[in-house]
């Protein structure tokens, strides 16, 4: 396994519409793992979320999170970042629209966002405190 890779070493992995997994904490310390739509942007993950979603509530109380994105086919590329999340209120819905279109396609993504209440949408921004990236390219 190749270790200590950079996000750039992962090729197109971060541009693919694969669900990432976001780990947040309940008040009692238990972990919630949530599949999330995301976009890798400017060195971190941006994740779309409803303002009152459990993930957003967890982050407001405890911003420590982890995000993992990994392939289930060779060369099994993956990235994990651990850090503190910020909840952002986008000035417009362009980031959220890009994410919806990425996962649903142009037509359905636009329709999905047409029904979204901008005042109820947030963007979770996670920048690496710790970054771990890997692949098994040498084995294939």
N, C-alpha and C. Protein backbone atom coordinates (compact mmCIF):
# COMPACT_ATOMS: atom_id res chain seq x y z
N UNK A 1 0.86 -1.17 0.00
CA UNK A 1 0.00 0.00 0.00
C UNK A 1 0.90 1.24 0.00
N UNK A 2 0.55 2.19 -0.87
CA UNK A 2 1.25 3.48 -0.86
C UNK A 2 0.59 4.36 0.18
N UNK A 3 1.41 4.98 1.01
CA UNK A 3 0.92 5.84 2.08
C UNK A 3 1.49 7.23 1.92
N UNK A 4 1.03 8.13 2.77
CA UNK A 4 1.53 9.50 2.79
C UNK A 4 1.36 10.19 1.44
N UNK A 5 0.27 9.89 0.77
CA UNK A 5 -0.03 10.53 -0.50
C UNK A 5 -0.68 11.89 -0.25
N UNK A 6 -0.68 12.71 -1.26
CA UNK A 6 -1.39 13.99 -1.21
C UNK A 6 -2.71 13.82 -1.93
N UNK A 7 -3.66 14.73 -1.75
CA UNK A 7 -4.90 14.65 -2.51
C UNK A 7 -4.65 14.61 -4.02
N UNK A 8 -3.64 15.32 -4.49
CA UNK A 8 -3.33 15.33 -5.92
C UNK A 8 -2.86 13.95 -6.39
N UNK A 9 -2.25 13.17 -5.52
CA UNK A 9 -1.80 11.82 -5.88
C UNK A 9 -2.96 10.86 -6.13
N UNK A 10 -4.16 11.24 -5.72
CA UNK A 10 -5.32 10.34 -5.82
C UNK A 10 -6.03 10.43 -7.16
N UNK A 11 -5.48 11.20 -8.11
CA UNK A 11 -6.09 11.32 -9.43
C UNK A 11 -7.49 11.91 -9.34
N UNK A 12 -8.44 11.23 -9.98
CA UNK A 12 -9.80 11.76 -10.07
C UNK A 12 -10.71 11.34 -8.92
N UNK A 13 -10.19 10.67 -7.91
CA UNK A 13 -11.04 10.18 -6.82
C UNK A 13 -11.90 11.28 -6.21
N UNK A 14 -11.32 12.43 -5.96
CA UNK A 14 -12.04 13.50 -5.26
C UNK A 14 -13.05 14.20 -6.15
N UNK A 15 -13.03 13.94 -7.44
CA UNK A 15 -14.01 14.56 -8.34
C UNK A 15 -15.17 13.63 -8.66
N UNK A 16 -15.10 12.40 -8.22
CA UNK A 16 -16.16 11.43 -8.50
C UNK A 16 -17.34 11.62 -7.54
N UNK A 17 -18.55 11.37 -8.02
CA UNK A 17 -19.73 11.52 -7.14
C UNK A 17 -19.94 10.30 -6.25
N UNK A 18 -18.97 10.03 -5.42
CA UNK A 18 -19.07 8.94 -4.45
C UNK A 18 -19.46 9.54 -3.11
N UNK A 19 -20.28 8.83 -2.37
CA UNK A 19 -20.60 9.30 -1.03
C UNK A 19 -19.37 9.20 -0.15
N UNK A 20 -19.12 10.22 0.62
CA UNK A 20 -18.12 10.17 1.67
C UNK A 20 -18.85 9.80 2.95
N UNK A 21 -18.11 9.52 4.00
CA UNK A 21 -18.70 9.23 5.30
C UNK A 21 -18.19 10.28 6.28
N UNK A 22 -19.13 10.97 6.91
CA UNK A 22 -18.84 11.99 7.91
C UNK A 22 -19.10 11.40 9.29
N UNK A 23 -18.10 11.52 10.18
CA UNK A 23 -18.26 11.07 11.56
C UNK A 23 -18.42 12.29 12.47
N UNK A 24 -19.53 12.32 13.21
CA UNK A 24 -19.78 13.37 14.20
C UNK A 24 -20.05 12.68 15.54
N UNK A 25 -20.17 13.48 16.58
CA UNK A 25 -20.33 12.91 17.93
C UNK A 25 -21.67 13.30 18.56
N UNK A 26 -22.32 12.30 19.13
CA UNK A 26 -23.46 12.55 20.00
C UNK A 26 -22.93 13.16 21.30
N UNK A 27 -23.80 13.76 22.09
CA UNK A 27 -23.39 14.37 23.36
C UNK A 27 -22.77 13.35 24.31
N UNK A 28 -23.21 12.09 24.22
CA UNK A 28 -22.67 11.05 25.11
C UNK A 28 -21.35 10.46 24.60
N UNK A 29 -20.82 11.00 23.50
CA UNK A 29 -19.54 10.54 22.97
C UNK A 29 -19.64 9.48 21.89
N UNK A 30 -20.82 8.89 21.73
CA UNK A 30 -20.97 7.90 20.65
C UNK A 30 -20.82 8.60 19.30
N UNK A 31 -20.42 7.82 18.31
CA UNK A 31 -20.13 8.35 16.97
C UNK A 31 -21.31 8.08 16.04
N UNK A 32 -21.66 9.08 15.26
CA UNK A 32 -22.65 8.93 14.19
C UNK A 32 -21.89 8.95 12.86
N UNK A 33 -22.06 7.92 12.04
CA UNK A 33 -21.48 7.87 10.70
C UNK A 33 -22.58 8.14 9.70
N UNK A 34 -22.36 9.15 8.85
CA UNK A 34 -23.39 9.57 7.90
C UNK A 34 -22.81 9.60 6.49
N UNK A 35 -23.45 8.91 5.53
CA UNK A 35 -23.04 9.09 4.14
C UNK A 35 -23.45 10.49 3.69
N UNK A 36 -22.55 11.18 3.00
CA UNK A 36 -22.81 12.57 2.64
C UNK A 36 -22.38 12.87 1.21
N UNK A 37 -23.13 13.81 0.60
CA UNK A 37 -22.72 14.40 -0.66
C UNK A 37 -21.67 15.45 -0.35
N UNK A 38 -20.67 15.54 -1.19
CA UNK A 38 -19.56 16.45 -0.89
C UNK A 38 -18.95 17.00 -2.17
N UNK A 39 -18.11 17.98 -1.96
CA UNK A 39 -17.26 18.51 -3.02
C UNK A 39 -15.91 18.81 -2.37
N UNK A 40 -14.83 18.37 -3.01
CA UNK A 40 -13.49 18.71 -2.54
C UNK A 40 -13.16 20.06 -3.16
N UNK A 41 -12.93 21.03 -2.33
CA UNK A 41 -12.75 22.39 -2.82
C UNK A 41 -11.73 23.11 -1.95
N UNK A 42 -10.73 23.68 -2.60
CA UNK A 42 -9.72 24.49 -1.91
C UNK A 42 -9.14 23.77 -0.70
N UNK A 43 -8.79 22.49 -0.88
CA UNK A 43 -8.09 21.75 0.16
C UNK A 43 -8.93 21.18 1.27
N UNK A 44 -10.24 21.11 1.09
CA UNK A 44 -11.09 20.53 2.12
C UNK A 44 -12.41 20.06 1.55
N UNK A 45 -13.17 19.37 2.37
CA UNK A 45 -14.49 18.89 1.96
C UNK A 45 -15.54 19.94 2.27
N UNK A 46 -16.47 20.13 1.34
CA UNK A 46 -17.68 20.91 1.57
C UNK A 46 -18.84 19.94 1.43
N UNK A 47 -19.69 19.92 2.43
CA UNK A 47 -20.77 18.94 2.54
C UNK A 47 -22.09 19.69 2.66
N UNK A 48 -23.06 19.30 1.82
CA UNK A 48 -24.37 19.95 1.90
C UNK A 48 -25.18 19.32 3.02
N UNK A 49 -25.99 20.17 3.66
CA UNK A 49 -26.73 19.69 4.84
C UNK A 49 -27.88 20.64 5.13
N UNK A 50 -28.93 20.12 5.69
CA UNK A 50 -30.01 20.97 6.18
C UNK A 50 -29.61 21.61 7.49
N UNK A 51 -30.08 22.82 7.72
CA UNK A 51 -29.71 23.59 8.91
C UNK A 51 -29.98 22.83 10.21
N UNK A 52 -31.09 22.10 10.28
CA UNK A 52 -31.46 21.39 11.51
C UNK A 52 -31.12 19.91 11.48
N UNK A 53 -30.34 19.49 10.50
CA UNK A 53 -29.94 18.09 10.40
C UNK A 53 -29.13 17.71 11.64
N UNK A 54 -29.20 16.45 12.04
CA UNK A 54 -28.47 15.99 13.22
C UNK A 54 -26.97 16.24 13.09
N UNK A 55 -26.43 16.13 11.88
CA UNK A 55 -24.99 16.38 11.69
C UNK A 55 -24.65 17.82 12.06
N UNK A 56 -25.46 18.75 11.61
CA UNK A 56 -25.22 20.17 11.91
C UNK A 56 -25.35 20.43 13.41
N UNK A 57 -26.34 19.81 14.03
CA UNK A 57 -26.50 19.99 15.48
C UNK A 57 -25.29 19.46 16.24
N UNK A 58 -24.80 18.30 15.82
CA UNK A 58 -23.61 17.74 16.47
C UNK A 58 -22.41 18.68 16.32
N UNK A 59 -22.21 19.21 15.12
CA UNK A 59 -21.05 20.06 14.85
C UNK A 59 -21.13 21.37 15.63
N UNK A 60 -22.32 21.90 15.78
CA UNK A 60 -22.46 23.13 16.58
C UNK A 60 -22.02 22.90 18.03
N UNK A 61 -22.29 21.71 18.54
CA UNK A 61 -21.92 21.38 19.91
C UNK A 61 -20.47 20.96 20.01
N UNK A 62 -19.98 20.18 19.03
CA UNK A 62 -18.61 19.65 19.05
C UNK A 62 -18.12 19.58 17.61
N UNK A 63 -17.26 20.50 17.19
CA UNK A 63 -16.87 20.59 15.78
C UNK A 63 -15.86 19.54 15.32
N UNK A 64 -15.40 18.67 16.22
CA UNK A 64 -14.43 17.64 15.82
C UNK A 64 -15.12 16.58 14.97
N UNK A 65 -14.60 16.37 13.75
CA UNK A 65 -15.19 15.43 12.81
C UNK A 65 -14.09 14.68 12.07
N UNK A 66 -14.51 13.62 11.40
CA UNK A 66 -13.67 12.91 10.44
C UNK A 66 -14.50 12.70 9.18
N UNK A 67 -13.82 12.72 8.04
CA UNK A 67 -14.45 12.42 6.76
C UNK A 67 -13.58 11.39 6.05
N UNK A 68 -14.21 10.34 5.53
CA UNK A 68 -13.50 9.31 4.78
C UNK A 68 -14.17 9.15 3.43
N UNK A 69 -13.34 9.06 2.40
CA UNK A 69 -13.80 8.76 1.04
C UNK A 69 -12.88 7.67 0.52
N UNK A 70 -13.44 6.54 0.10
CA UNK A 70 -12.61 5.42 -0.36
C UNK A 70 -13.31 4.68 -1.48
N UNK A 71 -12.50 4.14 -2.36
CA UNK A 71 -13.02 3.32 -3.46
C UNK A 71 -13.24 1.89 -3.00
N UNK A 72 -14.16 1.21 -3.69
CA UNK A 72 -14.37 -0.20 -3.40
C UNK A 72 -13.92 -1.08 -4.58
N UNK A 73 -13.13 -0.48 -5.48
CA UNK A 73 -12.53 -1.21 -6.61
C UNK A 73 -11.06 -0.80 -6.70
N UNK A 74 -10.21 -1.67 -7.27
CA UNK A 74 -8.79 -1.32 -7.40
C UNK A 74 -8.62 -0.02 -8.16
N UNK A 75 -7.66 0.80 -7.77
CA UNK A 75 -6.57 0.54 -6.83
C UNK A 75 -6.89 0.91 -5.38
N UNK A 76 -8.17 0.97 -5.03
CA UNK A 76 -8.59 1.21 -3.65
C UNK A 76 -7.98 2.49 -3.06
N UNK A 77 -8.16 3.58 -3.79
CA UNK A 77 -7.68 4.88 -3.30
C UNK A 77 -8.59 5.36 -2.18
N UNK A 78 -8.01 6.12 -1.26
CA UNK A 78 -8.82 6.65 -0.18
C UNK A 78 -8.17 7.84 0.49
N UNK A 79 -9.00 8.60 1.17
CA UNK A 79 -8.53 9.75 1.93
C UNK A 79 -9.37 9.87 3.19
N UNK A 80 -8.71 10.23 4.27
CA UNK A 80 -9.40 10.52 5.53
C UNK A 80 -8.85 11.85 6.01
N UNK A 81 -9.74 12.73 6.42
CA UNK A 81 -9.29 13.95 7.08
C UNK A 81 -10.00 14.04 8.43
N UNK A 82 -9.25 14.49 9.41
CA UNK A 82 -9.79 14.75 10.73
C UNK A 82 -9.51 16.21 11.05
N UNK A 83 -10.48 16.86 11.59
CA UNK A 83 -10.30 18.27 11.91
C UNK A 83 -11.56 18.83 12.53
N UNK A 84 -11.63 20.14 12.53
CA UNK A 84 -12.81 20.81 13.06
C UNK A 84 -13.64 21.34 11.89
N UNK A 85 -14.92 21.09 11.97
CA UNK A 85 -15.84 21.52 10.92
C UNK A 85 -16.39 22.90 11.25
N UNK A 86 -16.69 23.63 10.20
CA UNK A 86 -17.37 24.93 10.33
C UNK A 86 -18.68 24.83 9.58
N UNK A 87 -19.70 25.45 10.13
CA UNK A 87 -20.99 25.51 9.45
C UNK A 87 -21.09 26.87 8.81
N UNK A 88 -21.25 26.88 7.49
CA UNK A 88 -21.29 28.12 6.72
C UNK A 88 -22.68 28.33 6.15
N UNK A 89 -23.07 29.56 6.12
CA UNK A 89 -24.31 29.94 5.43
C UNK A 89 -23.88 30.55 4.11
N UNK A 90 -24.02 29.79 3.04
CA UNK A 90 -23.58 30.35 1.75
C UNK A 90 -24.43 31.57 1.39
N UNK A 91 -23.79 32.57 0.81
CA UNK A 91 -24.50 33.77 0.37
C UNK A 91 -25.50 33.44 -0.72
N UNK A 92 -25.21 32.43 -1.48
CA UNK A 92 -26.15 31.94 -2.49
C UNK A 92 -26.07 30.42 -2.46
N UNK A 93 -26.84 29.79 -3.28
CA UNK A 93 -26.89 28.32 -3.26
C UNK A 93 -25.98 27.69 -4.31
N UNK A 94 -25.03 28.43 -4.87
CA UNK A 94 -24.22 27.89 -5.96
C UNK A 94 -23.42 26.66 -5.53
N UNK A 95 -22.84 26.67 -4.35
CA UNK A 95 -22.08 25.50 -3.88
C UNK A 95 -23.00 24.30 -3.71
N UNK A 96 -24.13 24.54 -3.06
CA UNK A 96 -25.09 23.45 -2.85
C UNK A 96 -25.66 22.95 -4.17
N UNK A 97 -25.88 23.85 -5.11
CA UNK A 97 -26.38 23.48 -6.43
C UNK A 97 -25.35 22.61 -7.16
N UNK A 98 -24.07 22.99 -7.11
CA UNK A 98 -23.01 22.19 -7.75
C UNK A 98 -22.99 20.78 -7.17
N UNK A 99 -23.12 20.69 -5.86
CA UNK A 99 -23.10 19.38 -5.21
C UNK A 99 -24.31 18.55 -5.64
N UNK A 100 -25.49 19.14 -5.67
CA UNK A 100 -26.70 18.42 -6.08
C UNK A 100 -26.59 17.94 -7.53
N UNK A 101 -26.09 18.79 -8.40
CA UNK A 101 -25.94 18.41 -9.82
C UNK A 101 -24.90 17.31 -9.97
N UNK A 102 -23.87 17.36 -9.18
CA UNK A 102 -22.81 16.33 -9.21
C UNK A 102 -23.40 14.95 -8.93
N UNK A 103 -24.33 14.88 -7.98
CA UNK A 103 -24.88 13.59 -7.58
C UNK A 103 -26.14 13.19 -8.33
N UNK A 104 -26.92 14.16 -8.78
CA UNK A 104 -28.21 13.86 -9.40
C UNK A 104 -28.26 14.12 -10.89
N UNK A 105 -27.24 14.77 -11.43
CA UNK A 105 -27.28 15.17 -12.83
C UNK A 105 -27.88 16.55 -12.96
N UNK A 106 -27.70 17.15 -14.12
CA UNK A 106 -28.10 18.55 -14.34
C UNK A 106 -29.60 18.78 -14.09
N UNK A 107 -30.43 18.03 -14.78
CA UNK A 107 -31.87 18.29 -14.71
C UNK A 107 -32.45 18.02 -13.33
N UNK A 108 -32.17 16.86 -12.77
CA UNK A 108 -32.74 16.51 -11.47
C UNK A 108 -32.10 17.36 -10.37
N UNK A 109 -30.78 17.64 -10.49
CA UNK A 109 -30.11 18.48 -9.51
C UNK A 109 -30.69 19.89 -9.46
N UNK A 110 -30.98 20.46 -10.64
CA UNK A 110 -31.59 21.80 -10.68
C UNK A 110 -32.99 21.76 -10.04
N UNK A 111 -33.76 20.73 -10.37
CA UNK A 111 -35.11 20.61 -9.80
C UNK A 111 -35.04 20.43 -8.27
N UNK A 112 -34.10 19.64 -7.83
CA UNK A 112 -33.91 19.42 -6.39
C UNK A 112 -33.63 20.74 -5.68
N UNK A 113 -32.76 21.56 -6.26
CA UNK A 113 -32.40 22.83 -5.64
C UNK A 113 -33.52 23.87 -5.79
N UNK A 114 -34.35 23.74 -6.81
CA UNK A 114 -35.46 24.67 -6.97
C UNK A 114 -36.43 24.56 -5.79
N UNK A 115 -36.51 23.36 -5.21
CA UNK A 115 -37.38 23.13 -4.06
C UNK A 115 -36.72 23.44 -2.72
N UNK A 116 -35.42 23.73 -2.74
CA UNK A 116 -34.69 23.96 -1.49
C UNK A 116 -34.96 25.37 -0.96
N UNK A 117 -35.16 25.45 0.32
CA UNK A 117 -35.33 26.74 1.00
C UNK A 117 -33.94 27.23 1.39
N UNK A 118 -33.43 28.29 0.74
CA UNK A 118 -32.07 28.75 1.01
C UNK A 118 -31.81 29.07 2.47
N UNK A 119 -32.84 29.48 3.19
CA UNK A 119 -32.64 29.83 4.59
C UNK A 119 -32.47 28.59 5.48
N UNK A 120 -32.74 27.42 4.93
CA UNK A 120 -32.67 26.18 5.72
C UNK A 120 -31.49 25.30 5.32
N UNK A 121 -30.61 25.80 4.44
CA UNK A 121 -29.48 25.02 3.94
C UNK A 121 -28.17 25.57 4.48
N UNK A 122 -27.25 24.68 4.81
CA UNK A 122 -25.92 25.09 5.24
C UNK A 122 -24.89 24.25 4.51
N UNK A 123 -23.67 24.71 4.59
CA UNK A 123 -22.53 24.01 4.02
C UNK A 123 -21.60 23.70 5.18
N UNK A 124 -21.24 22.44 5.31
CA UNK A 124 -20.26 22.04 6.32
C UNK A 124 -18.90 22.05 5.64
N UNK A 125 -17.97 22.79 6.19
CA UNK A 125 -16.62 22.89 5.65
C UNK A 125 -15.67 22.17 6.60
N UNK A 126 -14.93 21.18 6.06
CA UNK A 126 -13.97 20.43 6.85
C UNK A 126 -12.61 20.52 6.18
N UNK A 127 -11.69 21.19 6.87
CA UNK A 127 -10.32 21.27 6.40
C UNK A 127 -9.47 20.35 7.24
N UNK A 128 -8.45 19.76 6.62
CA UNK A 128 -7.65 18.79 7.38
C UNK A 128 -6.88 19.40 8.53
N UNK A 129 -7.05 18.79 9.70
CA UNK A 129 -6.11 18.96 10.79
C UNK A 129 -5.08 17.86 10.58
N UNK A 130 -5.60 16.66 10.32
CA UNK A 130 -4.80 15.49 9.97
C UNK A 130 -5.34 14.95 8.66
N UNK A 131 -4.45 14.65 7.73
CA UNK A 131 -4.85 14.08 6.43
C UNK A 131 -4.10 12.78 6.23
N UNK A 132 -4.82 11.77 5.81
CA UNK A 132 -4.24 10.45 5.50
C UNK A 132 -4.79 10.04 4.15
N UNK A 133 -3.90 9.73 3.21
CA UNK A 133 -4.34 9.30 1.88
C UNK A 133 -3.52 8.08 1.47
N UNK A 134 -4.16 7.17 0.73
CA UNK A 134 -3.52 5.91 0.38
C UNK A 134 -4.07 5.38 -0.92
N UNK A 135 -3.36 4.41 -1.48
CA UNK A 135 -3.86 3.57 -2.57
C UNK A 135 -3.05 2.30 -2.63
N UNK A 136 -3.52 1.36 -3.43
CA UNK A 136 -2.85 0.08 -3.62
C UNK A 136 -2.34 -0.02 -5.06
N UNK A 137 -1.98 1.12 -5.66
CA UNK A 137 -1.56 1.15 -7.06
C UNK A 137 -0.37 0.23 -7.32
N UNK A 138 0.55 0.12 -6.39
CA UNK A 138 1.72 -0.74 -6.59
C UNK A 138 1.34 -2.21 -6.65
N UNK A 139 0.24 -2.58 -6.03
CA UNK A 139 -0.20 -3.98 -6.04
C UNK A 139 -0.93 -4.33 -7.34
N UNK A 140 -1.34 -3.31 -8.11
CA UNK A 140 -2.05 -3.54 -9.36
C UNK A 140 -1.21 -3.07 -10.50
